[in-house]
Amino acid sequence: MRLVSLILSFLLVVVAVAFVLLNRTSVGLNYLVGSGQYPLAVMIMVALSLGVLITLVLVSVPLFKAKYSVHALKKRVHKLEQELLEYRDQVTKDV
């Protein structure tokens, strides 16, 4: 598995380097406080990175809510199991 991961990482680096070399053209970017000239590859990588970051944030919020709900439900189940055991002990003592 480590070898496969190493090979895939190497291929990703090769593809990234090829991408940068093929997209060396500078493009202008106008933003709120200024403007600048940046290589096209950098602009595409920044846009891709921002998209990945935004997606991770949007996906992680419901995921953390779900994990919290699971934790609370497990805690409730444990409490109910303890109550059930106490009830069973009480019923067996009464019989």
PDB file of N, CA and C in Angstrom:
ATOM      1  N   MET A   1       0.816  -1.196   0.000  1.00  0.00           N
ATOM      2  CA  MET A   1       0.000   0.000   0.000  1.00  0.00           C
ATOM      3  C   MET A   1       0.859   1.259   0.000  1.00  0.00           C
ATOM      4  N   ARG A   2       1.967   1.215   0.725  1.00  0.00           N
ATOM      5  CA  ARG A   2       2.860   2.372   0.751  1.00  0.00           C
ATOM      6  C   ARG A   2       3.474   2.625  -0.622  1.00  0.00           C
ATOM      7  N   LEU A   3       3.780   1.563  -1.335  1.00  0.00           N
ATOM      8  CA  LEU A   3       4.365   1.706  -2.657  1.00  0.00           C
ATOM      9  C   LEU A   3       3.365   2.354  -3.607  1.00  0.00           C
ATOM     10  N   VAL A   4       2.118   1.933  -3.531  1.00  0.00           N
ATOM     11  CA  VAL A   4       1.077   2.511  -4.381  1.00  0.00           C
ATOM     12  C   VAL A   4       0.910   3.996  -4.054  1.00  0.00           C
ATOM     13  N   SER A   5       0.905   4.327  -2.771  1.00  0.00           N
ATOM     14  CA  SER A   5       0.785   5.722  -2.354  1.00  0.00           C
ATOM     15  C   SER A   5       1.970   6.550  -2.852  1.00  0.00           C
ATOM     16  N   LEU A   6       3.154   5.991  -2.774  1.00  0.00           N
ATOM     17  CA  LEU A   6       4.351   6.684  -3.244  1.00  0.00           C
ATOM     18  C   LEU A   6       4.295   6.910  -4.752  1.00  0.00           C
ATOM     19  N   ILE A   7       3.870   5.914  -5.497  1.00  0.00           N
ATOM     20  CA  ILE A   7       3.767   6.032  -6.952  1.00  0.00           C
ATOM     21  C   ILE A   7       2.718   7.072  -7.325  1.00  0.00           C
ATOM     22  N   LEU A   8       1.564   7.047  -6.654  1.00  0.00           N
ATOM     23  CA  LEU A   8       0.519   8.028  -6.950  1.00  0.00           C
ATOM     24  C   LEU A   8       0.969   9.444  -6.609  1.00  0.00           C
ATOM     25  N   SER A   9       1.702   9.600  -5.520  1.00  0.00           N
ATOM     26  CA  SER A   9       2.229  10.917  -5.149  1.00  0.00           C
ATOM     27  C   SER A   9       3.218  11.414  -6.200  1.00  0.00           C
ATOM     28  N   PHE A  10       4.076  10.539  -6.659  1.00  0.00           N
ATOM     29  CA  PHE A  10       5.041  10.906  -7.694  1.00  0.00           C
ATOM     30  C   PHE A  10       4.325  11.313  -8.980  1.00  0.00           C
ATOM     31  N   LEU A  11       3.317  10.558  -9.371  1.00  0.00           N
ATOM     32  CA  LEU A  11       2.562  10.897 -10.587  1.00  0.00           C
ATOM     33  C   LEU A  11       1.839  12.232 -10.436  1.00  0.00           C
ATOM     34  N   LEU A  12       1.330  12.506  -9.252  1.00  0.00           N
ATOM     35  CA  LEU A  12       0.668  13.776  -9.008  1.00  0.00           C
ATOM     36  C   LEU A  12       1.654  14.937  -9.138  1.00  0.00           C
ATOM     37  N   VAL A  13       2.846  14.771  -8.622  1.00  0.00           N
ATOM     38  CA  VAL A  13       3.871  15.813  -8.740  1.00  0.00           C
ATOM     39  C   VAL A  13       4.249  16.020 -10.200  1.00  0.00           C
ATOM     40  N   VAL A  14       4.399  14.941 -10.959  1.00  0.00           N
ATOM     41  CA  VAL A  14       4.740  15.053 -12.377  1.00  0.00           C
ATOM     42  C   VAL A  14       3.646  15.796 -13.135  1.00  0.00           C
ATOM     43  N   VAL A  15       2.400  15.459 -12.851  1.00  0.00           N
ATOM     44  CA  VAL A  15       1.283  16.128 -13.517  1.00  0.00           C
ATOM     45  C   VAL A  15       1.243  17.608 -13.127  1.00  0.00           C
ATOM     46  N   ALA A  16       1.487  17.918 -11.866  1.00  0.00           N
ATOM     47  CA  ALA A  16       1.488  19.310 -11.405  1.00  0.00           C
ATOM     48  C   ALA A  16       2.595  20.113 -12.078  1.00  0.00           C
ATOM     49  N   VAL A  17       3.772  19.538 -12.186  1.00  0.00           N
ATOM     50  CA  VAL A  17       4.881  20.230 -12.846  1.00  0.00           C
ATOM     51  C   VAL A  17       4.568  20.450 -14.323  1.00  0.00           C
ATOM     52  N   ALA A  18       4.014  19.447 -14.980  1.00  0.00           N
ATOM     53  CA  ALA A  18       3.634  19.590 -16.381  1.00  0.00           C
ATOM     54  C   ALA A  18       2.562  20.669 -16.531  1.00  0.00           C
ATOM     55  N   PHE A  19       1.614  20.703 -15.613  1.00  0.00           N
ATOM     56  CA  PHE A  19       0.562  21.714 -15.649  1.00  0.00           C
ATOM     57  C   PHE A  19       1.150  23.119 -15.541  1.00  0.00           C
ATOM     58  N   VAL A  20       2.084  23.296 -14.612  1.00  0.00           N
ATOM     59  CA  VAL A  20       2.715  24.611 -14.427  1.00  0.00           C
ATOM     60  C   VAL A  20       3.504  24.999 -15.673  1.00  0.00           C
ATOM     61  N   LEU A  21       4.234  24.055 -16.238  1.00  0.00           N
ATOM     62  CA  LEU A  21       5.034  24.372 -17.415  1.00  0.00           C
ATOM     63  C   LEU A  21       4.168  24.704 -18.634  1.00  0.00           C
ATOM     64  N   LEU A  22       3.008  24.103 -18.737  1.00  0.00           N
ATOM     65  CA  LEU A  22       2.131  24.367 -19.871  1.00  0.00           C
ATOM     66  C   LEU A  22       1.299  25.637 -19.693  1.00  0.00           C
ATOM     67  N   ASN A  23       1.188  26.160 -18.481  1.00  0.00           N
ATOM     68  CA  ASN A  23       0.365  27.337 -18.215  1.00  0.00           C
ATOM     69  C   ASN A  23       1.189  28.456 -17.589  1.00  0.00           C
ATOM     70  N   ARG A  24       2.245  28.847 -18.265  1.00  0.00           N
ATOM     71  CA  ARG A  24       3.134  29.879 -17.741  1.00  0.00           C
ATOM     72  C   ARG A  24       2.723  31.281 -18.163  1.00  0.00           C
ATOM     73  N   THR A  25       1.685  31.416 -18.931  1.00  0.00           N
ATOM     74  CA  THR A  25       1.220  32.724 -19.380  1.00  0.00           C
ATOM     75  C   THR A  25       0.745  33.550 -18.188  1.00  0.00           C
ATOM     76  N   SER A  26       1.109  34.838 -18.170  1.00  0.00           N
ATOM     77  CA  SER A  26       0.658  35.721 -17.095  1.00  0.00           C
ATOM     78  C   SER A  26      -0.725  36.266 -17.422  1.00  0.00           C
ATOM     79  N   VAL A  27      -1.537  36.375 -16.406  1.00  0.00           N
ATOM     80  CA  VAL A  27      -2.871  36.950 -16.550  1.00  0.00           C
ATOM     81  C   VAL A  27      -3.040  38.034 -15.505  1.00  0.00           C
ATOM     82  N   GLY A  28      -3.859  39.014 -15.828  1.00  0.00           N
ATOM     83  CA  GLY A  28      -4.101  40.108 -14.899  1.00  0.00           C
ATOM     84  C   GLY A  28      -5.230  39.766 -13.945  1.00  0.00           C
ATOM     85  N   LEU A  29      -5.064  40.198 -12.696  1.00  0.00           N
ATOM     86  CA  LEU A  29      -6.094  39.987 -11.688  1.00  0.00           C
ATOM     87  C   LEU A  29      -6.373  41.317 -11.013  1.00  0.00           C
ATOM     88  N   ASN A  30      -7.628  41.751 -11.085  1.00  0.00           N
ATOM     89  CA  ASN A  30      -8.058  42.965 -10.400  1.00  0.00           C
ATOM     90  C   ASN A  30      -8.886  42.561  -9.195  1.00  0.00           C
ATOM     91  N   TYR A  31      -8.461  42.972  -8.024  1.00  0.00           N
ATOM     92  CA  TYR A  31      -9.184  42.678  -6.800  1.00  0.00           C
ATOM     93  C   TYR A  31      -9.462  43.981  -6.067  1.00  0.00           C
ATOM     94  N   LEU A  32     -10.097  43.929  -4.923  1.00  0.00           N
ATOM     95  CA  LEU A  32     -10.615  45.126  -4.262  1.00  0.00           C
ATOM     96  C   LEU A  32      -9.562  46.198  -3.978  1.00  0.00           C
ATOM     97  N   VAL A  33      -8.386  45.810  -3.560  1.00  0.00           N
ATOM     98  CA  VAL A  33      -7.388  46.802  -3.145  1.00  0.00           C
ATOM     99  C   VAL A  33      -6.241  46.953  -4.134  1.00  0.00           C
ATOM    100  N   GLY A  34      -6.324  46.350  -5.271  1.00  0.00           N
ATOM    101  CA  GLY A  34      -5.244  46.492  -6.240  1.00  0.00           C
ATOM    102  C   GLY A  34      -5.397  45.535  -7.393  1.00  0.00           C
ATOM    103  N   SER A  35      -4.294  45.357  -8.088  1.00  0.00           N
ATOM    104  CA  SER A  35      -4.278  44.428  -9.221  1.00  0.00           C
ATOM    105  C   SER A  35      -2.867  43.886  -9.368  1.00  0.00           C
ATOM    106  N   GLY A  36      -2.743  42.833 -10.153  1.00  0.00           N
ATOM    107  CA  GLY A  36      -1.429  42.252 -10.348  1.00  0.00           C
ATOM    108  C   GLY A  36      -1.413  41.291 -11.516  1.00  0.00           C
ATOM    109  N   GLN A  37      -0.225  40.910 -11.922  1.00  0.00           N
ATOM    110  CA  GLN A  37      -0.020  39.936 -12.987  1.00  0.00           C
ATOM    111  C   GLN A  37       0.518  38.663 -12.346  1.00  0.00           C
ATOM    112  N   TYR A  38      -0.168  37.550 -12.600  1.00  0.00           N
ATOM    113  CA  TYR A  38       0.219  36.273 -12.024  1.00  0.00           C
ATOM    114  C   TYR A  38       0.182  35.198 -13.101  1.00  0.00           C
ATOM    115  N   PRO A  39       1.016  34.179 -12.965  1.00  0.00           N
ATOM    116  CA  PRO A  39       0.949  33.072 -13.920  1.00  0.00           C
ATOM    117  C   PRO A  39      -0.419  32.374 -13.860  1.00  0.00           C
ATOM    118  N   LEU A  40      -0.886  31.943 -15.002  1.00  0.00           N
ATOM    119  CA  LEU A  40      -2.182  31.282 -15.097  1.00  0.00           C
ATOM    120  C   LEU A  40      -2.242  30.055 -14.193  1.00  0.00           C
ATOM    121  N   ALA A  41      -1.159  29.290 -14.146  1.00  0.00           N
ATOM    122  CA  ALA A  41      -1.134  28.081 -13.315  1.00  0.00           C
ATOM    123  C   ALA A  41      -1.357  28.421 -11.847  1.00  0.00           C
ATOM    124  N   VAL A  42      -0.754  29.498 -11.379  1.00  0.00           N
ATOM    125  CA  VAL A  42      -0.922  29.908  -9.983  1.00  0.00           C
ATOM    126  C   VAL A  42      -2.373  30.292  -9.725  1.00  0.00           C
ATOM    127  N   MET A  43      -2.969  31.021 -10.634  1.00  0.00           N
ATOM    128  CA  MET A  43      -4.363  31.441 -10.465  1.00  0.00           C
ATOM    129  C   MET A  43      -5.298  30.235 -10.426  1.00  0.00           C
ATOM    130  N   ILE A  44      -5.064  29.269 -11.302  1.00  0.00           N
ATOM    131  CA  ILE A  44      -5.904  28.078 -11.319  1.00  0.00           C
ATOM    132  C   ILE A  44      -5.715  27.276 -10.033  1.00  0.00           C
ATOM    133  N   MET A  45      -4.474  27.137  -9.575  1.00  0.00           N
ATOM    134  CA  MET A  45      -4.213  26.391  -8.335  1.00  0.00           C
ATOM    135  C   MET A  45      -4.838  27.091  -7.124  1.00  0.00           C
ATOM    136  N   VAL A  46      -4.781  28.417  -7.079  1.00  0.00           N
ATOM    137  CA  VAL A  46      -5.391  29.157  -5.980  1.00  0.00           C
ATOM    138  C   VAL A  46      -6.909  28.960  -6.000  1.00  0.00           C
ATOM    139  N   ALA A  47      -7.513  29.052  -7.177  1.00  0.00           N
ATOM    140  CA  ALA A  47      -8.962  28.855  -7.290  1.00  0.00           C
ATOM    141  C   ALA A  47      -9.340  27.430  -6.881  1.00  0.00           C
ATOM    142  N   LEU A  48      -8.565  26.458  -7.315  1.00  0.00           N
ATOM    143  CA  LEU A  48      -8.827  25.063  -6.942  1.00  0.00           C
ATOM    144  C   LEU A  48      -8.688  24.868  -5.433  1.00  0.00           C
ATOM    145  N   SER A  49      -7.646  25.440  -4.850  1.00  0.00           N
ATOM    146  CA  SER A  49      -7.422  25.309  -3.406  1.00  0.00           C
ATOM    147  C   SER A  49      -8.549  25.956  -2.606  1.00  0.00           C
ATOM    148  N   LEU A  50      -8.992  27.130  -3.038  1.00  0.00           N
ATOM    149  CA  LEU A  50     -10.103  27.792  -2.352  1.00  0.00           C
ATOM    150  C   LEU A  50     -11.379  26.971  -2.461  1.00  0.00           C
ATOM    151  N   GLY A  51     -11.614  26.382  -3.616  1.00  0.00           N
ATOM    152  CA  GLY A  51     -12.785  25.524  -3.793  1.00  0.00           C
ATOM    153  C   GLY A  51     -12.743  24.317  -2.882  1.00  0.00           C
ATOM    154  N   VAL A  52     -11.589  23.694  -2.768  1.00  0.00           N
ATOM    155  CA  VAL A  52     -11.438  22.536  -1.881  1.00  0.00           C
ATOM    156  C   VAL A  52     -11.638  22.957  -0.434  1.00  0.00           C
ATOM    157  N   LEU A  53     -11.067  24.082  -0.039  1.00  0.00           N
ATOM    158  CA  LEU A  53     -11.191  24.574   1.332  1.00  0.00           C
ATOM    159  C   LEU A  53     -12.647  24.882   1.676  1.00  0.00           C
ATOM    160  N   ILE A  54     -13.348  25.574   0.793  1.00  0.00           N
ATOM    161  CA  ILE A  54     -14.751  25.899   1.033  1.00  0.00           C
ATOM    162  C   ILE A  54     -15.583  24.630   1.128  1.00  0.00           C
ATOM    163  N   THR A  55     -15.324  23.670   0.247  1.00  0.00           N
ATOM    164  CA  THR A  55     -16.055  22.403   0.277  1.00  0.00           C
ATOM    165  C   THR A  55     -15.812  21.665   1.582  1.00  0.00           C
ATOM    166  N   LEU A  56     -14.576  21.618   2.046  1.00  0.00           N
ATOM    167  CA  LEU A  56     -14.269  20.943   3.315  1.00  0.00           C
ATOM    168  C   LEU A  56     -14.994  21.598   4.482  1.00  0.00           C
ATOM    169  N   VAL A  57     -15.047  22.917   4.493  1.00  0.00           N
ATOM    170  CA  VAL A  57     -15.744  23.618   5.570  1.00  0.00           C
ATOM    171  C   VAL A  57     -17.233  23.305   5.524  1.00  0.00           C
ATOM    172  N   LEU A  58     -17.818  23.367   4.338  1.00  0.00           N
ATOM    173  CA  LEU A  58     -19.257  23.123   4.208  1.00  0.00           C
ATOM    174  C   LEU A  58     -19.631  21.682   4.527  1.00  0.00           C
ATOM    175  N   VAL A  59     -18.750  20.748   4.253  1.00  0.00           N
ATOM    176  CA  VAL A  59     -19.035  19.337   4.534  1.00  0.00           C
ATOM    177  C   VAL A  59     -18.764  19.014   5.996  1.00  0.00           C
ATOM    178  N   SER A  60     -17.784  19.653   6.603  1.00  0.00           N
ATOM    179  CA  SER A  60     -17.405  19.306   7.968  1.00  0.00           C
ATOM    180  C   SER A  60     -18.432  19.747   9.000  1.00  0.00           C
ATOM    181  N   VAL A  61     -19.159  20.829   8.750  1.00  0.00           N
ATOM    182  CA  VAL A  61     -20.140  21.304   9.738  1.00  0.00           C
ATOM    183  C   VAL A  61     -21.222  20.251   9.985  1.00  0.00           C
ATOM    184  N   PRO A  62     -21.908  19.735   8.953  1.00  0.00           N
ATOM    185  CA  PRO A  62     -22.897  18.684   9.218  1.00  0.00           C
ATOM    186  C   PRO A  62     -22.265  17.406   9.773  1.00  0.00           C
ATOM    187  N   LEU A  63     -21.039  17.117   9.370  1.00  0.00           N
ATOM    188  CA  LEU A  63     -20.363  15.928   9.870  1.00  0.00           C
ATOM    189  C   LEU A  63     -20.135  16.025  11.376  1.00  0.00           C
ATOM    190  N   PHE A  64     -19.670  17.180  11.848  1.00  0.00           N
ATOM    191  CA  PHE A  64     -19.456  17.353  13.280  1.00  0.00           C
ATOM    192  C   PHE A  64     -20.778  17.326  14.044  1.00  0.00           C
ATOM    193  N   LYS A  65     -21.837  17.884  13.460  1.00  0.00           N
ATOM    194  CA  LYS A  65     -23.148  17.823  14.100  1.00  0.00           C
ATOM    195  C   LYS A  65     -23.606  16.371  14.228  1.00  0.00           C
ATOM    196  N   ALA A  66     -23.395  15.589  13.185  1.00  0.00           N
ATOM    197  CA  ALA A  66     -23.788  14.179  13.221  1.00  0.00           C
ATOM    198  C   ALA A  66     -22.978  13.416  14.267  1.00  0.00           C
ATOM    199  N   LYS A  67     -21.680  13.680  14.347  1.00  0.00           N
ATOM    200  CA  LYS A  67     -20.856  13.009  15.354  1.00  0.00           C
ATOM    201  C   LYS A  67     -21.310  13.378  16.764  1.00  0.00           C
ATOM    202  N   TYR A  68     -21.667  14.631  16.976  1.00  0.00           N
ATOM    203  CA  TYR A  68     -22.152  15.046  18.287  1.00  0.00           C
ATOM    204  C   TYR A  68     -23.459  14.337  18.614  1.00  0.00           C
ATOM    205  N   SER A  69     -24.348  14.220  17.633  1.00  0.00           N
ATOM    206  CA  SER A  69     -25.620  13.521  17.853  1.00  0.00           C
ATOM    207  C   SER A  69     -25.386  12.056  18.190  1.00  0.00           C
ATOM    208  N   VAL A  70     -24.480  11.414  17.490  1.00  0.00           N
ATOM    209  CA  VAL A  70     -24.169  10.010  17.770  1.00  0.00           C
ATOM    210  C   VAL A  70     -23.625   9.867  19.184  1.00  0.00           C
ATOM    211  N   HIS A  71     -22.745  10.762  19.566  1.00  0.00           N
ATOM    212  CA  HIS A  71     -22.177  10.707  20.915  1.00  0.00           C
ATOM    213  C   HIS A  71     -23.276  10.871  21.967  1.00  0.00           C
ATOM    214  N   ALA A  72     -24.163  11.840  21.767  1.00  0.00           N
ATOM    215  CA  ALA A  72     -25.249  12.063  22.726  1.00  0.00           C
ATOM    216  C   ALA A  72     -26.178  10.853  22.787  1.00  0.00           C
ATOM    217  N   LEU A  73     -26.470  10.255  21.635  1.00  0.00           N
ATOM    218  CA  LEU A  73     -27.344   9.083  21.621  1.00  0.00           C
ATOM    219  C   LEU A  73     -26.695   7.874  22.289  1.00  0.00           C
ATOM    220  N   LYS A  74     -25.395   7.692  22.091  1.00  0.00           N
ATOM    221  CA  LYS A  74     -24.698   6.589  22.765  1.00  0.00           C
ATOM    222  C   LYS A  74     -24.719   6.781  24.274  1.00  0.00           C
ATOM    223  N   LYS A  75     -24.549   8.016  24.701  1.00  0.00           N
ATOM    224  CA  LYS A  75     -24.595   8.316  26.125  1.00  0.00           C
ATOM    225  C   LYS A  75     -25.986   8.009  26.686  1.00  0.00           C
ATOM    226  N   ARG A  76     -27.026   8.363  25.932  1.00  0.00           N
ATOM    227  CA  ARG A  76     -28.398   8.088  26.367  1.00  0.00           C
ATOM    228  C   ARG A  76     -28.673   6.585  26.422  1.00  0.00           C
ATOM    229  N   VAL A  77     -28.181   5.853  25.427  1.00  0.00           N
ATOM    230  CA  VAL A  77     -28.357   4.394  25.418  1.00  0.00           C
ATOM    231  C   VAL A  77     -27.682   3.778  26.627  1.00  0.00           C
ATOM    232  N   HIS A  78     -26.480   4.231  26.941  1.00  0.00           N
ATOM    233  CA  HIS A  78     -25.755   3.702  28.097  1.00  0.00           C
ATOM    234  C   HIS A  78     -26.555   3.962  29.388  1.00  0.00           C
ATOM    235  N   LYS A  79     -27.100   5.160  29.512  1.00  0.00           N
ATOM    236  CA  LYS A  79     -27.879   5.501  30.696  1.00  0.00           C
ATOM    237  C   LYS A  79     -29.129   4.610  30.790  1.00  0.00           C
ATOM    238  N   LEU A  80     -29.805   4.414  29.662  1.00  0.00           N
ATOM    239  CA  LEU A  80     -31.000   3.568  29.656  1.00  0.00           C
ATOM    240  C   LEU A  80     -30.673   2.104  29.948  1.00  0.00           C
ATOM    241  N   GLU A  81     -29.520   1.645  29.468  1.00  0.00           N
ATOM    242  CA  GLU A  81     -29.102   0.273  29.784  1.00  0.00           C
ATOM    243  C   GLU A  81     -28.858   0.115  31.280  1.00  0.00           C
ATOM    244  N   GLN A  82     -28.257   1.125  31.894  1.00  0.00           N
ATOM    245  CA  GLN A  82     -28.027   1.075  33.342  1.00  0.00           C
ATOM    246  C   GLN A  82     -29.354   1.059  34.097  1.00  0.00           C
ATOM    247  N   GLU A  83     -30.298   1.873  33.651  1.00  0.00           N
ATOM    248  CA  GLU A  83     -31.612   1.878  34.284  1.00  0.00           C
ATOM    249  C   GLU A  83     -32.299   0.525  34.136  1.00  0.00           C
ATOM    250  N   LEU A  84     -32.161  -0.088  32.960  1.00  0.00           N
ATOM    251  CA  LEU A  84     -32.763  -1.398  32.727  1.00  0.00           C
ATOM    252  C   LEU A  84     -32.158  -2.450  33.655  1.00  0.00           C
ATOM    253  N   LEU A  85     -30.835  -2.418  33.811  1.00  0.00           N
ATOM    254  CA  LEU A  85     -30.183  -3.365  34.719  1.00  0.00           C
ATOM    255  C   LEU A  85     -30.653  -3.166  36.157  1.00  0.00           C
ATOM    256  N   GLU A  86     -30.782  -1.922  36.581  1.00  0.00           N
ATOM    257  CA  GLU A  86     -31.262  -1.639  37.936  1.00  0.00           C
ATOM    258  C   GLU A  86     -32.700  -2.137  38.101  1.00  0.00           C
ATOM    259  N   TYR A  87     -33.525  -1.924  37.073  1.00  0.00           N
ATOM    260  CA  TYR A  87     -34.908  -2.383  37.124  1.00  0.00           C
ATOM    261  C   TYR A  87     -34.975  -3.906  37.198  1.00  0.00           C
ATOM    262  N   ARG A  88     -34.153  -4.592  36.409  1.00  0.00           N
ATOM    263  CA  ARG A  88     -34.125  -6.054  36.437  1.00  0.00           C
ATOM    264  C   ARG A  88     -33.692  -6.571  37.810  1.00  0.00           C
ATOM    265  N   ASP A  89     -32.692  -5.920  38.385  1.00  0.00           N
ATOM    266  CA  ASP A  89     -32.242  -6.324  39.717  1.00  0.00           C
ATOM    267  C   ASP A  89     -33.350  -6.126  40.749  1.00  0.00           C
ATOM    268  N   GLN A  90     -34.068  -5.039  40.622  1.00  0.00           N
ATOM    269  CA  GLN A  90     -35.153  -4.760  41.563  1.00  0.00           C
ATOM    270  C   GLN A  90     -36.290  -5.764  41.407  1.00  0.00           C
ATOM    271  N   VAL A  91     -36.615  -6.138  40.159  1.00  0.00           N
ATOM    272  CA  VAL A  91     -37.683  -7.095  39.908  1.00  0.00           C
ATOM    273  C   VAL A  91     -37.302  -8.473  40.432  1.00  0.00           C
ATOM    274  N   THR A  92     -36.057  -8.887  40.229  1.00  0.00           N
ATOM    275  CA  THR A  92     -35.622 -10.206  40.705  1.00  0.00           C
ATOM    276  C   THR A  92     -35.585 -10.249  42.226  1.00  0.00           C
ATOM    277  N   LYS A  93     -35.301  -9.144  42.892  1.00  0.00           N
ATOM    278  CA  LYS A  93     -35.307  -9.116  44.354  1.00  0.00           C
ATOM    279  C   LYS A  93     -36.738  -9.222  44.892  1.00  0.00           C
ATOM    280  N   ASP A  94     -37.676  -8.622  44.170  1.00  0.00           N
ATOM    281  CA  ASP A  94     -39.066  -8.643  44.590  1.00  0.00           C
ATOM    282  C   ASP A  94     -39.705 -10.021  44.411  1.00  0.00           C
ATOM    283  N   VAL A  95     -39.227 -10.806  43.496  1.00  0.00           N
ATOM    284  CA  VAL A  95     -39.803 -12.137  43.225  1.00  0.00           C
ATOM    285  C   VAL A  95     -39.302 -13.080  44.213  1.00  0.00           C
TER     286      VAL A  95
END
